[in-house]
Amino acid sequence: MTTEIDRFALHNAVLEEVRGHRDVAAARVQALLAAGADPHATDSNGETPFNVAAANAPVCGRLMTLYWLEQAMAGKGGKGLNDCSGAHGSTLAQYMAKWLADDEIVAAFARAAAAGMQVDTPNKSGWTPLMAAAAMGRLAAVEALLPLYSHAALCTQAGENYTADYGGEGRVVTYRGALNAAEIAQERIFQDEGADEALGEALWACIETIAAAIAAKGKTEKGTR
């Protein structure tokens, strides 16, 4: 199953969720992964099924992320815990921060970190998993990552400008380079005109939580020197 840009069956299955057919997409993605489909396979534009999911397919994104995690933990599959995937060079930790459910994310990060996952590795744009979580207002992911980050990692700044399209008119956000995770969440508040009240509150909660952690870890690490 290919298209004019050489997309595979898994790409097309994820697209079903982007089009609004969530249940159909989830069933197809599960079946394809079970049959050995590669979530890291690229089309002729260098996009993986993960990249397709980024548009608006969180259910499929979660299924593929869990598949990658379990395969890597078992020493199977083409990508390990600390490998990158896709055109943006995203890590497994970044996909976990974006898509895992709130009630599973703490245990998942703890287990992966104990197995050697580096949870603060940036992608090609200099974004860490914490930045990805903050930009989406994912407070549970932020809280799961903070104990695993050093003060220096918390203060990491993005390496370049990055534009994200969250769908709908007025929902394109251009994040400037040299922003840390808290500042990235703040940037979305300022620019995302279509964000609802719940997202705004979640973004502010991420900002406050990250800022408090930066201050606390800064004092702790200074006191140990």
C-alpha atoms as a PDB file:
ATOM      1  CA  MET A   1       0.000   0.000   0.000  1.00  0.00           C
ATOM      2  CA  THR A   2       1.791   3.097  -1.210  1.00  0.00           C
ATOM      3  CA  THR A   3       0.826   6.543  -2.460  1.00  0.00           C
ATOM      4  CA  GLU A   4       2.442   9.097  -4.719  1.00  0.00           C
ATOM      5  CA  ILE A   5       4.924   9.870  -1.918  1.00  0.00           C
ATOM      6  CA  ASP A   6       5.591   6.212  -1.111  1.00  0.00           C
ATOM      7  CA  ARG A   7       3.680   5.995   2.117  1.00  0.00           C
ATOM      8  CA  PHE A   8       3.316   2.560   3.669  1.00  0.00           C
ATOM      9  CA  ALA A   9       0.258   0.910   5.168  1.00  0.00           C
ATOM     10  CA  LEU A  10       1.069   2.227   8.665  1.00  0.00           C
ATOM     11  CA  HIS A  11       1.257   5.829   7.403  1.00  0.00           C
ATOM     12  CA  ASN A  12      -2.156   5.417   5.819  1.00  0.00           C
ATOM     13  CA  ALA A  13      -3.645   3.817   8.925  1.00  0.00           C
ATOM     14  CA  VAL A  14      -2.528   6.763  11.061  1.00  0.00           C
ATOM     15  CA  LEU A  15      -4.038   9.159   8.516  1.00  0.00           C
ATOM     16  CA  GLU A  16      -7.446   7.641   9.266  1.00  0.00           C
ATOM     17  CA  GLU A  17      -7.297   9.187  12.742  1.00  0.00           C
ATOM     18  CA  VAL A  18      -6.195  12.536  11.302  1.00  0.00           C
ATOM     19  CA  ARG A  19      -9.343  12.361   9.140  1.00  0.00           C
ATOM     20  CA  GLY A  20     -11.477  11.685  12.221  1.00  0.00           C
ATOM     21  CA  HIS A  21     -11.829   7.882  12.070  1.00  0.00           C
ATOM     22  CA  ARG A  22     -10.170   7.174  15.429  1.00  0.00           C
ATOM     23  CA  ASP A  23     -11.466   3.656  16.139  1.00  0.00           C
ATOM     24  CA  VAL A  24     -10.730   2.423  12.626  1.00  0.00           C
ATOM     25  CA  ALA A  25      -7.241   3.901  12.769  1.00  0.00           C
ATOM     26  CA  ALA A  26      -6.444   2.381  16.160  1.00  0.00           C
ATOM     27  CA  ALA A  27      -7.550  -1.079  15.070  1.00  0.00           C
ATOM     28  CA  ARG A  28      -5.499  -0.896  11.879  1.00  0.00           C
ATOM     29  CA  VAL A  29      -2.393   0.412  13.646  1.00  0.00           C
ATOM     30  CA  GLN A  30      -2.565  -2.350  16.255  1.00  0.00           C
ATOM     31  CA  ALA A  31      -2.978  -5.006  13.575  1.00  0.00           C
ATOM     32  CA  LEU A  32      -0.125  -3.657  11.472  1.00  0.00           C
ATOM     33  CA  LEU A  33       2.279  -3.384  14.417  1.00  0.00           C
ATOM     34  CA  ALA A  34       1.420  -6.931  15.455  1.00  0.00           C
ATOM     35  CA  ALA A  35       2.187  -8.044  11.894  1.00  0.00           C
ATOM     36  CA  GLY A  36       5.607  -6.376  11.964  1.00  0.00           C
ATOM     37  CA  ALA A  37       5.011  -2.957  10.380  1.00  0.00           C
ATOM     38  CA  ASP A  38       7.870  -0.526  11.024  1.00  0.00           C
ATOM     39  CA  PRO A  39       6.786   2.753  12.715  1.00  0.00           C
ATOM     40  CA  HIS A  40      10.146   4.259  11.726  1.00  0.00           C
ATOM     41  CA  ALA A  41       9.769   3.644   7.990  1.00  0.00           C
ATOM     42  CA  THR A  42       9.987   6.871   5.985  1.00  0.00           C
ATOM     43  CA  ASP A  43       8.059   8.044   2.955  1.00  0.00           C
ATOM     44  CA  SER A  44       9.779   9.923   0.140  1.00  0.00           C
ATOM     45  CA  ASN A  45       9.580  13.131   2.213  1.00  0.00           C
ATOM     46  CA  GLY A  46      11.403  11.490   5.109  1.00  0.00           C
ATOM     47  CA  GLU A  47       8.263  11.382   7.276  1.00  0.00           C
ATOM     48  CA  THR A  48       7.530   8.407   9.527  1.00  0.00           C
ATOM     49  CA  PRO A  49       4.106   7.298  10.803  1.00  0.00           C
ATOM     50  CA  PHE A  50       5.068   9.136  14.007  1.00  0.00           C
ATOM     51  CA  ASN A  51       5.384  12.364  12.005  1.00  0.00           C
ATOM     52  CA  VAL A  52       1.965  11.758  10.449  1.00  0.00           C
ATOM     53  CA  ALA A  53       0.499  11.225  13.920  1.00  0.00           C
ATOM     54  CA  ALA A  54       1.834  14.588  15.080  1.00  0.00           C
ATOM     55  CA  ALA A  55      -0.802  16.361  12.977  1.00  0.00           C
ATOM     56  CA  ASN A  56      -3.757  15.129  15.017  1.00  0.00           C
ATOM     57  CA  ALA A  57      -3.530  11.443  15.863  1.00  0.00           C
ATOM     58  CA  PRO A  58      -2.769  11.055  19.580  1.00  0.00           C
ATOM     59  CA  VAL A  59      -4.313   7.586  19.870  1.00  0.00           C
ATOM     60  CA  CYS A  60      -2.153   6.163  17.104  1.00  0.00           C
ATOM     61  CA  GLY A  61       0.814   8.112  18.437  1.00  0.00           C
ATOM     62  CA  ARG A  62       0.398   6.466  21.834  1.00  0.00           C
ATOM     63  CA  LEU A  63       0.057   2.970  20.338  1.00  0.00           C
ATOM     64  CA  MET A  64       3.229   3.352  18.288  1.00  0.00           C
ATOM     65  CA  THR A  65       5.107   4.887  21.220  1.00  0.00           C
ATOM     66  CA  LEU A  66       4.190   1.985  23.507  1.00  0.00           C
ATOM     67  CA  TYR A  67       5.244  -0.434  20.764  1.00  0.00           C
ATOM     68  CA  TRP A  68       8.643   1.271  20.404  1.00  0.00           C
ATOM     69  CA  LEU A  69       9.075   1.327  24.196  1.00  0.00           C
ATOM     70  CA  GLU A  70       8.261  -2.346  24.695  1.00  0.00           C
ATOM     71  CA  GLN A  71      10.389  -3.421  21.733  1.00  0.00           C
ATOM     72  CA  ALA A  72      13.350  -1.375  22.983  1.00  0.00           C
ATOM     73  CA  MET A  73      12.995  -2.627  26.550  1.00  0.00           C
ATOM     74  CA  ALA A  74      13.094  -6.187  25.205  1.00  0.00           C
ATOM     75  CA  GLY A  75      16.106  -5.460  22.990  1.00  0.00           C
ATOM     76  CA  LYS A  76      14.057  -5.925  19.838  1.00  0.00           C
ATOM     77  CA  GLY A  77      13.145  -3.747  16.868  1.00  0.00           C
ATOM     78  CA  GLY A  78      15.206  -1.335  14.837  1.00  0.00           C
ATOM     79  CA  LYS A  79      15.376   1.462  17.422  1.00  0.00           C
ATOM     80  CA  GLY A  80      16.629   1.423  21.003  1.00  0.00           C
ATOM     81  CA  LEU A  81      15.737   3.528  24.029  1.00  0.00           C
ATOM     82  CA  ASN A  82      18.066   6.363  23.002  1.00  0.00           C
ATOM     83  CA  ASP A  83      17.766   6.318  19.224  1.00  0.00           C
ATOM     84  CA  CYS A  84      16.150   9.040  17.121  1.00  0.00           C
ATOM     85  CA  SER A  85      13.439   8.656  14.503  1.00  0.00           C
ATOM     86  CA  GLY A  86      12.020  10.667  11.638  1.00  0.00           C
ATOM     87  CA  ALA A  87      12.771  13.919   9.908  1.00  0.00           C
ATOM     88  CA  HIS A  88      12.952  15.858  13.198  1.00  0.00           C
ATOM     89  CA  GLY A  89      15.280  13.417  14.936  1.00  0.00           C
ATOM     90  CA  SER A  90      12.793  12.865  17.748  1.00  0.00           C
ATOM     91  CA  THR A  91      13.579  10.520  20.623  1.00  0.00           C
ATOM     92  CA  LEU A  92      11.382   7.892  22.218  1.00  0.00           C
ATOM     93  CA  ALA A  93      11.318  10.044  25.364  1.00  0.00           C
ATOM     94  CA  GLN A  94       9.824  12.912  23.347  1.00  0.00           C
ATOM     95  CA  TYR A  95       7.043  10.713  22.013  1.00  0.00           C
ATOM     96  CA  MET A  96       6.385   9.407  25.521  1.00  0.00           C
ATOM     97  CA  ALA A  97       6.097  12.977  26.784  1.00  0.00           C
ATOM     98  CA  LYS A  98       3.649  13.863  24.011  1.00  0.00           C
ATOM     99  CA  TRP A  99       1.386  10.831  23.887  1.00  0.00           C
ATOM    100  CA  LEU A 100       1.448   8.504  26.887  1.00  0.00           C
ATOM    101  CA  ALA A 101      -1.601   8.673  29.156  1.00  0.00           C
ATOM    102  CA  ASP A 102      -1.384  10.607  32.403  1.00  0.00           C
ATOM    103  CA  ASP A 103      -1.885   7.481  34.507  1.00  0.00           C
ATOM    104  CA  GLU A 104       0.952   5.556  32.838  1.00  0.00           C
ATOM    105  CA  ILE A 105       3.604   8.162  32.197  1.00  0.00           C
ATOM    106  CA  VAL A 106       5.342   8.271  35.597  1.00  0.00           C
ATOM    107  CA  ALA A 107       5.872   4.507  35.723  1.00  0.00           C
ATOM    108  CA  ALA A 108       6.905   4.402  32.052  1.00  0.00           C
ATOM    109  CA  PHE A 109       9.591   7.057  32.463  1.00  0.00           C
ATOM    110  CA  ALA A 110      10.867   5.540  35.705  1.00  0.00           C
ATOM    111  CA  ARG A 111      11.168   2.101  34.094  1.00  0.00           C
ATOM    112  CA  ALA A 112      12.812   3.431  30.936  1.00  0.00           C
ATOM    113  CA  ALA A 113      15.242   5.654  32.855  1.00  0.00           C
ATOM    114  CA  ALA A 114      16.245   2.715  35.050  1.00  0.00           C
ATOM    115  CA  ALA A 115      16.994   0.783  31.850  1.00  0.00           C
ATOM    116  CA  GLY A 116      19.279   3.550  30.574  1.00  0.00           C
ATOM    117  CA  MET A 117      17.039   5.970  28.708  1.00  0.00           C
ATOM    118  CA  GLN A 118      18.440   9.511  28.506  1.00  0.00           C
ATOM    119  CA  VAL A 119      15.325  11.587  29.083  1.00  0.00           C
ATOM    120  CA  ASP A 120      16.852  15.002  28.369  1.00  0.00           C
ATOM    121  CA  THR A 121      18.287  14.383  24.880  1.00  0.00           C
ATOM    122  CA  PRO A 122      17.186  17.113  22.417  1.00  0.00           C
ATOM    123  CA  ASN A 123      15.947  16.542  18.879  1.00  0.00           C
ATOM    124  CA  LYS A 124      17.396  18.219  15.779  1.00  0.00           C
ATOM    125  CA  SER A 125      15.744  21.534  16.720  1.00  0.00           C
ATOM    126  CA  GLY A 126      17.188  21.411  20.230  1.00  0.00           C
ATOM    127  CA  TRP A 127      13.879  20.513  21.870  1.00  0.00           C
ATOM    128  CA  THR A 128      14.011  18.195  24.880  1.00  0.00           C
ATOM    129  CA  PRO A 129      11.140  15.928  25.961  1.00  0.00           C
ATOM    130  CA  LEU A 130      10.368  18.428  28.727  1.00  0.00           C
ATOM    131  CA  MET A 131       9.946  21.174  26.135  1.00  0.00           C
ATOM    132  CA  ALA A 132       7.590  18.989  24.095  1.00  0.00           C
ATOM    133  CA  ALA A 133       5.487  18.272  27.187  1.00  0.00           C
ATOM    134  CA  ALA A 134       5.412  21.929  28.209  1.00  0.00           C
ATOM    135  CA  ALA A 135       4.362  23.110  24.737  1.00  0.00           C
ATOM    136  CA  MET A 136       1.351  20.791  24.896  1.00  0.00           C
ATOM    137  CA  GLY A 137       0.394  21.710  28.448  1.00  0.00           C
ATOM    138  CA  ARG A 138       0.990  18.127  29.574  1.00  0.00           C
ATOM    139  CA  LEU A 139       1.420  18.696  33.302  1.00  0.00           C
ATOM    140  CA  ALA A 140       1.560  14.962  34.135  1.00  0.00           C
ATOM    141  CA  ALA A 141       4.452  14.515  31.697  1.00  0.00           C
ATOM    142  CA  VAL A 142       6.219  17.590  33.065  1.00  0.00           C
ATOM    143  CA  GLU A 143       5.892  16.283  36.624  1.00  0.00           C
ATOM    144  CA  ALA A 144       7.167  12.857  35.543  1.00  0.00           C
ATOM    145  CA  LEU A 145      10.253  14.331  33.882  1.00  0.00           C
ATOM    146  CA  LEU A 146      11.286  16.945  36.439  1.00  0.00           C
ATOM    147  CA  PRO A 147      12.790  14.519  38.986  1.00  0.00           C
ATOM    148  CA  LEU A 148      14.902  13.014  36.194  1.00  0.00           C
ATOM    149  CA  TYR A 149      16.366  16.355  35.023  1.00  0.00           C
ATOM    150  CA  SER A 150      19.403  18.171  36.413  1.00  0.00           C
ATOM    151  CA  HIS A 151      19.296  21.939  36.883  1.00  0.00           C
ATOM    152  CA  ALA A 152      21.323  22.375  33.690  1.00  0.00           C
ATOM    153  CA  ALA A 153      18.895  20.172  31.739  1.00  0.00           C
ATOM    154  CA  LEU A 154      15.930  22.154  33.068  1.00  0.00           C
ATOM    155  CA  CYS A 155      17.532  25.343  31.787  1.00  0.00           C
ATOM    156  CA  THR A 156      18.344  23.942  28.332  1.00  0.00           C
ATOM    157  CA  GLN A 157      17.312  26.279  25.515  1.00  0.00           C
ATOM    158  CA  ALA A 158      15.964  25.346  22.103  1.00  0.00           C
ATOM    159  CA  GLY A 159      18.543  25.589  19.370  1.00  0.00           C
ATOM    160  CA  GLU A 160      16.509  27.228  16.606  1.00  0.00           C
ATOM    161  CA  ASN A 161      13.143  28.687  15.669  1.00  0.00           C
ATOM    162  CA  TYR A 162      10.378  26.126  15.290  1.00  0.00           C
ATOM    163  CA  THR A 163       6.871  26.600  13.866  1.00  0.00           C
ATOM    164  CA  ALA A 164       4.023  24.344  15.021  1.00  0.00           C
ATOM    165  CA  ASP A 165       0.549  24.166  13.483  1.00  0.00           C
ATOM    166  CA  TYR A 166      -2.019  23.105  16.067  1.00  0.00           C
ATOM    167  CA  GLY A 167      -4.886  23.122  13.571  1.00  0.00           C
ATOM    168  CA  GLY A 168      -7.479  25.787  12.942  1.00  0.00           C
ATOM    169  CA  GLU A 169      -7.225  29.462  12.135  1.00  0.00           C
ATOM    170  CA  GLY A 170      -4.898  31.413  14.400  1.00  0.00           C
ATOM    171  CA  ARG A 171      -3.258  28.300  15.832  1.00  0.00           C
ATOM    172  CA  VAL A 172       0.174  28.514  14.231  1.00  0.00           C
ATOM    173  CA  VAL A 173       2.860  29.202  16.822  1.00  0.00           C
ATOM    174  CA  THR A 174       6.443  30.142  16.022  1.00  0.00           C
ATOM    175  CA  TYR A 175       8.711  29.323  18.921  1.00  0.00           C
ATOM    176  CA  ARG A 176      11.883  31.356  18.984  1.00  0.00           C
ATOM    177  CA  GLY A 177      15.229  29.719  19.600  1.00  0.00           C
ATOM    178  CA  ALA A 178      16.944  30.206  22.961  1.00  0.00           C
ATOM    179  CA  LEU A 179      13.783  29.472  24.993  1.00  0.00           C
ATOM    180  CA  ASN A 180      13.692  27.004  27.866  1.00  0.00           C
ATOM    181  CA  ALA A 181      10.718  24.709  28.551  1.00  0.00           C
ATOM    182  CA  ALA A 182       8.796  27.190  30.728  1.00  0.00           C
ATOM    183  CA  GLU A 183       9.311  29.959  28.169  1.00  0.00           C
ATOM    184  CA  ILE A 184       8.098  27.678  25.382  1.00  0.00           C
ATOM    185  CA  ALA A 185       4.815  27.099  27.234  1.00  0.00           C
ATOM    186  CA  GLN A 186       4.516  30.853  27.732  1.00  0.00           C
ATOM    187  CA  GLU A 187       5.120  31.468  24.034  1.00  0.00           C
ATOM    188  CA  ARG A 188       2.196  29.223  23.153  1.00  0.00           C
ATOM    189  CA  ILE A 189      -0.077  31.126  25.532  1.00  0.00           C
ATOM    190  CA  PHE A 190       0.852  34.369  23.800  1.00  0.00           C
ATOM    191  CA  GLN A 191       0.465  33.120  20.224  1.00  0.00           C
ATOM    192  CA  ASP A 192      -2.121  30.314  20.147  1.00  0.00           C
ATOM    193  CA  GLU A 193      -5.299  32.335  19.634  1.00  0.00           C
ATOM    194  CA  GLY A 194      -7.478  29.242  19.394  1.00  0.00           C
ATOM    195  CA  ALA A 195      -6.394  27.658  22.672  1.00  0.00           C
ATOM    196  CA  ASP A 196      -9.289  27.003  25.054  1.00  0.00           C
ATOM    197  CA  GLU A 197      -9.367  27.911  28.744  1.00  0.00           C
ATOM    198  CA  ALA A 198      -8.391  24.427  29.918  1.00  0.00           C
ATOM    199  CA  LEU A 199      -5.268  24.403  27.753  1.00  0.00           C
ATOM    200  CA  GLY A 200      -4.347  27.888  28.939  1.00  0.00           C
ATOM    201  CA  GLU A 201      -4.598  26.794  32.556  1.00  0.00           C
ATOM    202  CA  ALA A 202      -2.540  23.679  31.860  1.00  0.00           C
ATOM    203  CA  LEU A 203       0.176  25.737  30.152  1.00  0.00           C
ATOM    204  CA  TRP A 204       0.359  28.128  33.111  1.00  0.00           C
ATOM    205  CA  ALA A 205       0.566  25.172  35.500  1.00  0.00           C
ATOM    206  CA  CYS A 206       3.499  23.810  33.485  1.00  0.00           C
ATOM    207  CA  ILE A 207       5.231  27.183  33.592  1.00  0.00           C
ATOM    208  CA  GLU A 208       4.859  27.493  37.357  1.00  0.00           C
ATOM    209  CA  THR A 209       5.909  23.895  38.000  1.00  0.00           C
ATOM    210  CA  ILE A 210       9.018  24.107  35.824  1.00  0.00           C
ATOM    211  CA  ALA A 211      10.019  27.491  37.243  1.00  0.00           C
ATOM    212  CA  ALA A 212       9.709  26.158  40.790  1.00  0.00           C
ATOM    213  CA  ALA A 213      11.828  23.112  39.909  1.00  0.00           C
ATOM    214  CA  ILE A 214      14.525  25.311  38.336  1.00  0.00           C
ATOM    215  CA  ALA A 215      14.693  27.422  41.475  1.00  0.00           C
ATOM    216  CA  ALA A 216      14.695  24.420  43.837  1.00  0.00           C
ATOM    217  CA  LYS A 217      17.302  22.426  41.920  1.00  0.00           C
ATOM    218  CA  GLY A 218      19.454  25.499  41.488  1.00  0.00           C
ATOM    219  CA  LYS A 219      19.592  25.965  45.266  1.00  0.00           C
ATOM    220  CA  THR A 220      20.167  22.271  45.907  1.00  0.00           C
ATOM    221  CA  GLU A 221      22.996  21.912  43.410  1.00  0.00           C
ATOM    222  CA  LYS A 222      24.602  25.166  44.540  1.00  0.00           C
ATOM    223  CA  GLY A 223      24.499  23.944  48.126  1.00  0.00           C
ATOM    224  CA  THR A 224      26.322  20.724  47.269  1.00  0.00           C
ATOM    225  CA  ARG A 225      29.258  22.475  45.586  1.00  0.00           C
END
